[in-house]
């Protein structure tokens, strides 16, 4: 993937029932129904300002079995960094939770590299910590600055073996 346009879709798996779909909607769109927002951000206060910020961010949206299952909203910051300000998963996911997180992170890492960013900072650290650790994200804890997850990315050279044109470093 060399660039991300207004809306792209990637599909994982076979068959319609267990299909994971990844959507990259255009910035400024509002791809959520009110019931999706209530389910994904359950127990969180999603104010109008926060929802407006979510709408203006770049987004990764993952559906599982035809239902919205996860979302990541990020901005391209200075110094080649993508900052993930929102990360939410359907709380009803059971065994497929890790697959949805992997799909979100696959798309997020590809999008960041395609935009020339080589690091990801995730501000929410309480979702699927085992998946993040397995994928090479490192927890950063500052006494007065809070906590976040970081990962350095690097592009794959064309002469390296592998199916994709990108890779993440662990």
N, C-alpha and C. Protein backbone atom coordinates (compact mmCIF):
# COMPACT_ATOMS: atom_id res chain seq x y z
N UNK A 1 0.85 -1.16 0.00
CA UNK A 1 0.00 0.00 0.00
C UNK A 1 0.90 1.23 0.00
N UNK A 2 0.78 2.05 -1.01
CA UNK A 2 1.63 3.23 -1.09
C UNK A 2 0.95 4.48 -0.58
N UNK A 3 -0.35 4.57 -0.67
CA UNK A 3 -1.07 5.73 -0.17
C UNK A 3 -2.47 5.30 0.22
N UNK A 4 -3.04 6.06 1.10
CA UNK A 4 -4.40 5.76 1.52
C UNK A 4 -5.30 6.86 0.97
N UNK A 5 -6.26 6.49 0.19
CA UNK A 5 -7.18 7.42 -0.43
C UNK A 5 -8.42 7.58 0.46
N UNK A 6 -9.46 8.19 -0.07
CA UNK A 6 -10.66 8.50 0.71
C UNK A 6 -11.21 7.30 1.48
N UNK A 7 -11.36 6.17 0.82
CA UNK A 7 -11.93 5.01 1.51
C UNK A 7 -11.39 3.76 0.87
N UNK A 8 -10.76 2.93 1.66
CA UNK A 8 -10.27 1.65 1.17
C UNK A 8 -10.79 0.57 2.10
N UNK A 9 -10.84 -0.62 1.59
CA UNK A 9 -11.34 -1.73 2.37
C UNK A 9 -10.42 -2.93 2.19
N UNK A 10 -10.08 -3.55 3.30
CA UNK A 10 -9.25 -4.75 3.30
C UNK A 10 -10.07 -5.83 3.98
N UNK A 11 -10.06 -7.04 3.43
CA UNK A 11 -10.82 -8.12 4.02
C UNK A 11 -9.89 -9.23 4.49
N UNK A 12 -10.17 -9.78 5.65
CA UNK A 12 -9.44 -10.90 6.21
C UNK A 12 -10.40 -12.07 6.33
N UNK A 13 -9.91 -13.27 6.09
CA UNK A 13 -10.72 -14.46 6.31
C UNK A 13 -11.55 -14.84 5.10
N UNK A 14 -12.24 -15.94 5.23
CA UNK A 14 -13.08 -16.45 4.16
C UNK A 14 -14.49 -16.63 4.68
N UNK A 15 -15.44 -16.56 3.79
CA UNK A 15 -16.84 -16.70 4.19
C UNK A 15 -17.36 -15.37 4.72
N UNK A 16 -18.67 -15.23 4.71
CA UNK A 16 -19.26 -13.96 5.11
C UNK A 16 -19.44 -13.82 6.61
N UNK A 17 -19.64 -14.91 7.32
CA UNK A 17 -19.96 -14.87 8.74
C UNK A 17 -18.82 -14.31 9.58
N UNK A 18 -17.60 -14.79 9.37
CA UNK A 18 -16.47 -14.41 10.21
C UNK A 18 -15.53 -13.43 9.53
N UNK A 19 -16.01 -12.71 8.56
CA UNK A 19 -15.18 -11.80 7.80
C UNK A 19 -14.85 -10.55 8.62
N UNK A 20 -13.56 -10.22 8.68
CA UNK A 20 -13.12 -8.98 9.30
C UNK A 20 -12.87 -8.00 8.16
N UNK A 21 -13.51 -6.86 8.22
CA UNK A 21 -13.34 -5.82 7.21
C UNK A 21 -12.73 -4.59 7.86
N UNK A 22 -11.79 -3.99 7.16
CA UNK A 22 -11.13 -2.77 7.63
C UNK A 22 -11.50 -1.65 6.68
N UNK A 23 -12.03 -0.57 7.23
CA UNK A 23 -12.43 0.60 6.44
C UNK A 23 -11.60 1.80 6.87
N UNK A 24 -11.24 2.62 5.89
CA UNK A 24 -10.52 3.85 6.15
C UNK A 24 -11.36 5.00 5.58
N UNK A 25 -12.30 5.52 6.37
CA UNK A 25 -13.18 6.58 5.85
C UNK A 25 -12.44 7.90 5.68
N UNK A 26 -12.98 8.75 4.86
CA UNK A 26 -12.39 10.07 4.63
C UNK A 26 -12.48 10.90 5.91
N UNK A 27 -11.45 11.70 6.16
CA UNK A 27 -11.48 12.61 7.31
C UNK A 27 -12.66 13.55 7.14
N UNK A 28 -13.32 13.86 8.25
CA UNK A 28 -14.47 14.74 8.21
C UNK A 28 -15.79 14.01 8.10
N UNK A 29 -15.75 12.71 7.82
CA UNK A 29 -16.99 11.95 7.74
C UNK A 29 -17.37 11.46 9.14
N UNK A 30 -18.60 11.06 9.30
CA UNK A 30 -19.07 10.53 10.59
C UNK A 30 -19.66 9.16 10.33
N UNK A 31 -18.83 8.12 10.36
CA UNK A 31 -19.28 6.78 9.96
C UNK A 31 -20.02 6.01 11.05
N UNK A 32 -20.31 6.65 12.19
CA UNK A 32 -20.90 5.93 13.32
C UNK A 32 -22.38 6.24 13.46
N UNK A 33 -23.14 5.20 13.79
CA UNK A 33 -24.51 5.40 14.24
C UNK A 33 -24.44 5.63 15.75
N UNK A 34 -25.46 6.25 16.31
CA UNK A 34 -25.47 6.55 17.74
C UNK A 34 -25.32 5.28 18.58
N UNK A 35 -25.96 4.19 18.15
CA UNK A 35 -25.86 2.95 18.92
C UNK A 35 -24.44 2.36 18.86
N UNK A 36 -23.72 2.58 17.74
CA UNK A 36 -22.32 2.13 17.66
C UNK A 36 -21.46 2.91 18.65
N UNK A 37 -21.66 4.22 18.71
CA UNK A 37 -20.89 5.06 19.63
C UNK A 37 -21.16 4.64 21.07
N UNK A 38 -22.43 4.42 21.40
CA UNK A 38 -22.79 4.02 22.76
C UNK A 38 -22.16 2.67 23.13
N UNK A 39 -22.11 1.74 22.18
CA UNK A 39 -21.56 0.41 22.45
C UNK A 39 -20.03 0.45 22.54
N UNK A 40 -19.37 1.12 21.59
CA UNK A 40 -17.91 1.13 21.56
C UNK A 40 -17.30 1.97 22.68
N UNK A 41 -17.95 3.05 23.03
CA UNK A 41 -17.41 3.95 24.05
C UNK A 41 -18.21 3.85 25.34
N UNK A 42 -18.72 2.67 25.64
CA UNK A 42 -19.54 2.45 26.84
C UNK A 42 -18.74 2.81 28.09
N UNK A 43 -19.37 3.59 28.95
CA UNK A 43 -18.72 4.00 30.19
C UNK A 43 -17.78 5.19 30.02
N UNK A 44 -17.66 5.71 28.83
CA UNK A 44 -16.82 6.88 28.57
C UNK A 44 -17.72 8.06 28.21
N UNK A 45 -17.25 9.22 28.50
CA UNK A 45 -18.00 10.42 28.13
C UNK A 45 -17.50 10.91 26.78
N UNK A 46 -18.31 10.73 25.76
CA UNK A 46 -17.96 11.16 24.41
C UNK A 46 -18.72 12.47 24.14
N UNK A 47 -18.12 13.57 24.54
CA UNK A 47 -18.74 14.89 24.39
C UNK A 47 -18.82 15.28 22.91
N UNK A 48 -19.55 16.36 22.63
CA UNK A 48 -19.62 16.86 21.25
C UNK A 48 -18.23 17.22 20.73
N UNK A 49 -17.43 17.86 21.59
CA UNK A 49 -16.08 18.26 21.17
C UNK A 49 -15.22 17.03 20.88
N UNK A 50 -15.33 16.01 21.73
CA UNK A 50 -14.55 14.79 21.52
C UNK A 50 -15.02 14.06 20.26
N UNK A 51 -16.33 14.04 20.02
CA UNK A 51 -16.85 13.40 18.81
C UNK A 51 -16.42 14.20 17.57
N UNK A 52 -16.39 15.53 17.66
CA UNK A 52 -15.92 16.36 16.54
C UNK A 52 -14.45 16.08 16.26
N UNK A 53 -13.65 15.94 17.32
CA UNK A 53 -12.23 15.60 17.14
C UNK A 53 -12.09 14.23 16.50
N UNK A 54 -12.91 13.30 16.91
CA UNK A 54 -12.90 11.95 16.33
C UNK A 54 -13.23 12.03 14.84
N UNK A 55 -14.22 12.82 14.49
CA UNK A 55 -14.65 12.97 13.10
C UNK A 55 -13.56 13.61 12.24
N UNK A 56 -12.77 14.52 12.79
CA UNK A 56 -11.72 15.21 12.04
C UNK A 56 -10.42 14.41 11.95
N UNK A 57 -10.29 13.37 12.72
CA UNK A 57 -9.09 12.53 12.71
C UNK A 57 -9.14 11.54 11.56
N UNK A 58 -7.99 10.97 11.25
CA UNK A 58 -7.94 9.81 10.36
C UNK A 58 -8.47 8.64 11.17
N UNK A 59 -9.20 7.74 10.53
CA UNK A 59 -9.79 6.63 11.27
C UNK A 59 -9.52 5.29 10.61
N UNK A 60 -9.41 4.29 11.45
CA UNK A 60 -9.40 2.89 11.06
C UNK A 60 -10.65 2.30 11.70
N UNK A 61 -11.52 1.71 10.89
CA UNK A 61 -12.73 1.10 11.41
C UNK A 61 -12.74 -0.36 11.02
N UNK A 62 -12.96 -1.22 12.00
CA UNK A 62 -12.97 -2.66 11.77
C UNK A 62 -14.35 -3.21 12.09
N UNK A 63 -14.87 -3.98 11.14
CA UNK A 63 -16.14 -4.68 11.33
C UNK A 63 -15.86 -6.17 11.40
N UNK A 64 -16.63 -6.86 12.21
CA UNK A 64 -16.51 -8.31 12.33
C UNK A 64 -17.90 -8.90 12.17
N UNK A 65 -18.05 -9.78 11.20
CA UNK A 65 -19.36 -10.39 10.96
C UNK A 65 -20.43 -9.37 10.63
N UNK A 66 -20.04 -8.28 9.96
CA UNK A 66 -20.99 -7.26 9.57
C UNK A 66 -21.31 -6.23 10.64
N UNK A 67 -20.67 -6.32 11.79
CA UNK A 67 -20.95 -5.40 12.90
C UNK A 67 -19.69 -4.61 13.25
N UNK A 68 -19.83 -3.32 13.52
CA UNK A 68 -18.71 -2.48 13.90
C UNK A 68 -18.07 -3.05 15.17
N UNK A 69 -16.78 -3.37 15.11
CA UNK A 69 -16.12 -4.05 16.21
C UNK A 69 -14.98 -3.24 16.84
N UNK A 70 -14.40 -2.31 16.11
CA UNK A 70 -13.29 -1.54 16.66
C UNK A 70 -13.01 -0.29 15.85
N UNK A 71 -12.44 0.70 16.50
CA UNK A 71 -12.08 1.94 15.83
C UNK A 71 -10.81 2.51 16.45
N UNK A 72 -9.97 3.07 15.62
CA UNK A 72 -8.81 3.83 16.07
C UNK A 72 -8.82 5.15 15.32
N UNK A 73 -8.67 6.24 16.05
CA UNK A 73 -8.58 7.57 15.45
C UNK A 73 -7.19 8.11 15.73
N UNK A 74 -6.55 8.63 14.68
CA UNK A 74 -5.18 9.09 14.85
C UNK A 74 -4.93 10.36 14.06
N UNK A 75 -3.90 11.08 14.46
CA UNK A 75 -3.46 12.27 13.74
C UNK A 75 -1.98 12.11 13.44
N UNK A 76 -1.57 12.71 12.34
CA UNK A 76 -0.17 12.70 11.98
C UNK A 76 0.47 13.91 12.66
N UNK A 77 1.34 13.64 13.62
CA UNK A 77 1.97 14.71 14.38
C UNK A 77 3.34 15.03 13.80
N UNK A 78 3.98 16.02 14.40
CA UNK A 78 5.34 16.38 13.98
C UNK A 78 6.30 15.24 14.29
N UNK A 79 7.47 15.32 13.71
CA UNK A 79 8.55 14.36 13.95
C UNK A 79 8.19 12.94 13.54
N UNK A 80 7.42 12.82 12.47
CA UNK A 80 7.12 11.50 11.89
C UNK A 80 6.41 10.55 12.84
N UNK A 81 5.46 11.06 13.59
CA UNK A 81 4.74 10.25 14.57
C UNK A 81 3.24 10.28 14.28
N UNK A 82 2.59 9.12 14.38
CA UNK A 82 1.14 9.04 14.38
C UNK A 82 0.70 8.90 15.83
N UNK A 83 -0.22 9.75 16.26
CA UNK A 83 -0.72 9.72 17.63
C UNK A 83 -2.15 9.18 17.59
N UNK A 84 -2.37 8.05 18.25
CA UNK A 84 -3.69 7.43 18.32
C UNK A 84 -4.39 7.99 19.56
N UNK A 85 -5.36 8.87 19.33
CA UNK A 85 -6.04 9.52 20.44
C UNK A 85 -7.25 8.74 20.93
N UNK A 86 -7.85 7.97 20.05
CA UNK A 86 -9.03 7.16 20.41
C UNK A 86 -8.82 5.73 19.95
N UNK A 87 -9.13 4.81 20.83
CA UNK A 87 -9.08 3.39 20.50
C UNK A 87 -10.21 2.74 21.27
N UNK A 88 -11.13 2.11 20.54
CA UNK A 88 -12.28 1.50 21.19
C UNK A 88 -12.61 0.17 20.53
N UNK A 89 -13.02 -0.78 21.36
CA UNK A 89 -13.44 -2.10 20.89
C UNK A 89 -14.82 -2.42 21.41
N UNK A 90 -15.54 -3.22 20.64
CA UNK A 90 -16.84 -3.70 21.09
C UNK A 90 -16.62 -4.53 22.35
N UNK A 91 -17.24 -4.16 23.47
CA UNK A 91 -17.02 -4.93 24.71
C UNK A 91 -17.61 -6.33 24.68
N UNK A 92 -18.45 -6.61 23.68
CA UNK A 92 -19.07 -7.94 23.57
C UNK A 92 -18.21 -8.94 22.80
N UNK A 93 -17.07 -8.50 22.27
CA UNK A 93 -16.18 -9.43 21.56
C UNK A 93 -15.62 -10.44 22.56
N UNK A 94 -15.56 -11.67 22.15
CA UNK A 94 -15.00 -12.69 23.03
C UNK A 94 -13.68 -13.17 22.45
N UNK A 95 -13.67 -14.34 21.83
CA UNK A 95 -12.42 -14.92 21.33
C UNK A 95 -11.87 -14.18 20.12
N UNK A 96 -12.70 -13.43 19.41
CA UNK A 96 -12.22 -12.72 18.23
C UNK A 96 -11.63 -11.35 18.57
N UNK A 97 -11.57 -10.98 19.83
CA UNK A 97 -11.06 -9.68 20.26
C UNK A 97 -9.63 -9.44 19.77
N UNK A 98 -8.75 -10.41 19.95
CA UNK A 98 -7.36 -10.25 19.52
C UNK A 98 -7.25 -10.11 18.00
N UNK A 99 -8.10 -10.82 17.26
CA UNK A 99 -8.10 -10.71 15.79
C UNK A 99 -8.50 -9.31 15.36
N UNK A 100 -9.48 -8.73 16.04
CA UNK A 100 -9.92 -7.37 15.71
C UNK A 100 -8.82 -6.37 16.05
N UNK A 101 -8.17 -6.53 17.20
CA UNK A 101 -7.07 -5.63 17.58
C UNK A 101 -5.93 -5.76 16.56
N UNK A 102 -5.60 -6.97 16.16
CA UNK A 102 -4.55 -7.16 15.14
C UNK A 102 -4.92 -6.47 13.83
N UNK A 103 -6.19 -6.57 13.41
CA UNK A 103 -6.62 -5.93 12.17
C UNK A 103 -6.50 -4.40 12.29
N UNK A 104 -6.90 -3.85 13.42
CA UNK A 104 -6.78 -2.40 13.65
C UNK A 104 -5.30 -2.00 13.57
N UNK A 105 -4.44 -2.75 14.25
CA UNK A 105 -3.02 -2.40 14.29
C UNK A 105 -2.34 -2.61 12.94
N UNK A 106 -2.71 -3.66 12.20
CA UNK A 106 -2.17 -3.86 10.84
C UNK A 106 -2.45 -2.64 9.98
N UNK A 107 -3.71 -2.21 9.98
CA UNK A 107 -4.10 -1.06 9.15
C UNK A 107 -3.47 0.23 9.65
N UNK A 108 -3.39 0.39 10.95
CA UNK A 108 -2.79 1.59 11.53
C UNK A 108 -1.31 1.70 11.19
N UNK A 109 -0.59 0.61 11.33
CA UNK A 109 0.84 0.61 11.02
C UNK A 109 1.07 0.86 9.53
N UNK A 110 0.26 0.25 8.66
CA UNK A 110 0.39 0.48 7.22
C UNK A 110 0.07 1.94 6.86
N UNK A 111 -0.98 2.48 7.46
CA UNK A 111 -1.36 3.87 7.19
C UNK A 111 -0.28 4.84 7.64
N UNK A 112 0.30 4.60 8.80
CA UNK A 112 1.35 5.49 9.30
C UNK A 112 2.58 5.44 8.39
N UNK A 113 2.99 4.25 8.00
CA UNK A 113 4.14 4.14 7.10
C UNK A 113 3.85 4.77 5.74
N UNK A 114 2.64 4.57 5.24
CA UNK A 114 2.28 5.13 3.94
C UNK A 114 2.30 6.65 3.96
N UNK A 115 2.05 7.24 5.13
CA UNK A 115 2.06 8.70 5.23
C UNK A 115 3.43 9.24 5.64
N UNK A 116 4.44 8.36 5.68
CA UNK A 116 5.79 8.81 6.00
C UNK A 116 6.08 8.92 7.48
N UNK A 117 5.24 8.30 8.31
CA UNK A 117 5.44 8.33 9.76
C UNK A 117 6.10 7.01 10.18
N UNK A 118 7.05 7.09 11.09
CA UNK A 118 7.81 5.89 11.47
C UNK A 118 7.70 5.56 12.95
N UNK A 119 6.74 6.16 13.63
CA UNK A 119 6.49 5.83 15.03
C UNK A 119 5.00 6.00 15.31
N UNK A 120 4.52 5.19 16.23
CA UNK A 120 3.12 5.26 16.66
C UNK A 120 3.10 5.45 18.17
N UNK A 121 2.27 6.38 18.62
CA UNK A 121 2.04 6.59 20.04
C UNK A 121 0.55 6.34 20.28
N UNK A 122 0.23 5.41 21.18
CA UNK A 122 -1.15 5.08 21.52
C UNK A 122 -1.42 5.61 22.92
N UNK A 123 -2.37 6.54 23.03
CA UNK A 123 -2.63 7.18 24.31
C UNK A 123 -3.46 6.32 25.25
N UNK A 124 -4.20 5.37 24.72
CA UNK A 124 -5.02 4.49 25.57
C UNK A 124 -4.27 3.18 25.77
N UNK A 125 -4.01 2.83 27.00
CA UNK A 125 -3.14 1.67 27.28
C UNK A 125 -3.87 0.48 27.89
N UNK A 126 -5.18 0.56 28.04
CA UNK A 126 -5.89 -0.50 28.75
C UNK A 126 -6.58 -1.53 27.85
N UNK A 127 -6.43 -1.41 26.55
CA UNK A 127 -7.09 -2.36 25.63
C UNK A 127 -6.08 -3.39 25.14
N UNK A 128 -6.37 -4.64 25.40
CA UNK A 128 -5.59 -5.77 24.87
C UNK A 128 -4.07 -5.61 25.04
N UNK A 129 -3.58 -5.44 26.26
CA UNK A 129 -2.14 -5.21 26.46
C UNK A 129 -1.27 -6.36 25.95
N UNK A 130 -1.77 -7.58 25.97
CA UNK A 130 -0.98 -8.72 25.50
C UNK A 130 -0.72 -8.61 23.99
N UNK A 131 -1.73 -8.17 23.23
CA UNK A 131 -1.58 -8.01 21.78
C UNK A 131 -0.56 -6.92 21.49
N UNK A 132 -0.66 -5.80 22.17
CA UNK A 132 0.30 -4.71 21.95
C UNK A 132 1.72 -5.16 22.27
N UNK A 133 1.89 -5.86 23.37
CA UNK A 133 3.23 -6.33 23.75
C UNK A 133 3.77 -7.31 22.71
N UNK A 134 2.92 -8.24 22.26
CA UNK A 134 3.33 -9.22 21.24
C UNK A 134 3.77 -8.53 19.95
N UNK A 135 3.15 -7.41 19.64
CA UNK A 135 3.45 -6.70 18.40
C UNK A 135 4.58 -5.69 18.55
N UNK A 136 5.20 -5.62 19.72
CA UNK A 136 6.38 -4.78 19.89
C UNK A 136 6.13 -3.39 20.44
N UNK A 137 4.93 -3.13 20.94
CA UNK A 137 4.66 -1.83 21.56
C UNK A 137 5.26 -1.83 22.97
N UNK A 138 5.82 -0.69 23.34
CA UNK A 138 6.49 -0.55 24.63
C UNK A 138 5.70 0.46 25.47
N UNK A 139 5.45 0.11 26.72
CA UNK A 139 4.75 1.02 27.63
C UNK A 139 5.73 2.07 28.14
N UNK A 140 5.33 3.33 28.08
CA UNK A 140 6.11 4.44 28.61
C UNK A 140 5.30 5.02 29.76
N UNK A 141 5.91 5.11 30.92
CA UNK A 141 5.22 5.63 32.10
C UNK A 141 6.02 6.79 32.66
N UNK A 142 5.40 7.96 32.65
CA UNK A 142 6.01 9.16 33.20
C UNK A 142 5.22 9.54 34.45
N UNK A 143 5.90 9.91 35.49
CA UNK A 143 5.18 10.23 36.73
C UNK A 143 4.12 11.31 36.53
N UNK A 144 4.52 12.45 36.01
CA UNK A 144 3.56 13.54 35.86
C UNK A 144 2.95 13.60 34.47
N UNK A 145 3.47 12.86 33.53
CA UNK A 145 3.00 12.93 32.15
C UNK A 145 2.04 11.83 31.75
N UNK A 146 1.76 10.89 32.62
CA UNK A 146 0.85 9.81 32.29
C UNK A 146 1.55 8.61 31.68
N UNK A 147 0.79 7.79 30.97
CA UNK A 147 1.34 6.58 30.35
C UNK A 147 0.81 6.45 28.93
N UNK A 148 1.59 5.83 28.07
CA UNK A 148 1.20 5.59 26.70
C UNK A 148 2.01 4.42 26.16
N UNK A 149 1.66 3.97 24.97
CA UNK A 149 2.38 2.90 24.28
C UNK A 149 3.07 3.49 23.06
N UNK A 150 4.26 2.98 22.74
CA UNK A 150 5.02 3.45 21.59
C UNK A 150 5.53 2.27 20.78
N UNK A 151 5.67 2.52 19.48
CA UNK A 151 6.29 1.53 18.61
C UNK A 151 7.00 2.26 17.48
N UNK A 152 8.21 1.81 17.18
CA UNK A 152 8.97 2.33 16.04
C UNK A 152 8.69 1.41 14.85
N UNK A 153 8.46 2.01 13.68
CA UNK A 153 8.21 1.27 12.45
C UNK A 153 9.35 1.52 11.48
N UNK A 154 9.56 0.59 10.59
CA UNK A 154 10.57 0.81 9.55
C UNK A 154 10.08 0.19 8.24
N UNK A 155 10.34 0.87 7.12
CA UNK A 155 9.91 0.32 5.83
C UNK A 155 10.76 -0.89 5.45
N UNK A 156 10.17 -1.80 4.71
CA UNK A 156 10.89 -2.98 4.23
C UNK A 156 11.47 -2.64 2.87
N UNK A 157 12.72 -2.98 2.69
CA UNK A 157 13.35 -2.78 1.38
C UNK A 157 12.75 -3.76 0.39
N UNK A 158 12.71 -3.36 -0.87
CA UNK A 158 12.09 -4.18 -1.92
C UNK A 158 12.81 -5.52 -2.10
N UNK A 159 14.12 -5.59 -1.78
CA UNK A 159 14.85 -6.84 -2.00
C UNK A 159 14.75 -7.80 -0.82
N UNK A 160 14.05 -7.41 0.26
CA UNK A 160 13.89 -8.32 1.39
C UNK A 160 12.74 -9.27 1.12
N UNK A 161 12.90 -10.53 1.55
CA UNK A 161 11.80 -11.48 1.32
C UNK A 161 10.59 -11.12 2.17
N UNK A 162 9.45 -11.53 1.72
CA UNK A 162 8.22 -11.29 2.46
C UNK A 162 7.12 -10.89 1.52
N UNK A 163 5.91 -11.00 1.99
CA UNK A 163 4.78 -10.73 1.12
C UNK A 163 4.42 -9.26 1.05
N UNK A 164 4.77 -8.49 2.04
CA UNK A 164 4.35 -7.09 2.06
C UNK A 164 5.51 -6.15 1.80
N UNK A 165 5.16 -4.90 1.64
CA UNK A 165 6.19 -3.89 1.40
C UNK A 165 6.55 -3.14 2.68
N UNK A 166 5.93 -3.51 3.80
CA UNK A 166 6.25 -2.85 5.06
C UNK A 166 6.49 -3.90 6.12
N UNK A 167 7.11 -3.50 7.16
CA UNK A 167 7.24 -4.38 8.32
C UNK A 167 7.34 -3.52 9.55
N UNK A 168 7.02 -4.09 10.66
CA UNK A 168 7.18 -3.37 11.91
C UNK A 168 8.31 -4.02 12.68
N UNK A 169 9.05 -3.22 13.41
CA UNK A 169 10.16 -3.76 14.17
C UNK A 169 9.68 -4.09 15.57
N UNK A 170 10.12 -5.20 16.10
CA UNK A 170 9.71 -5.62 17.44
C UNK A 170 10.86 -5.50 18.39
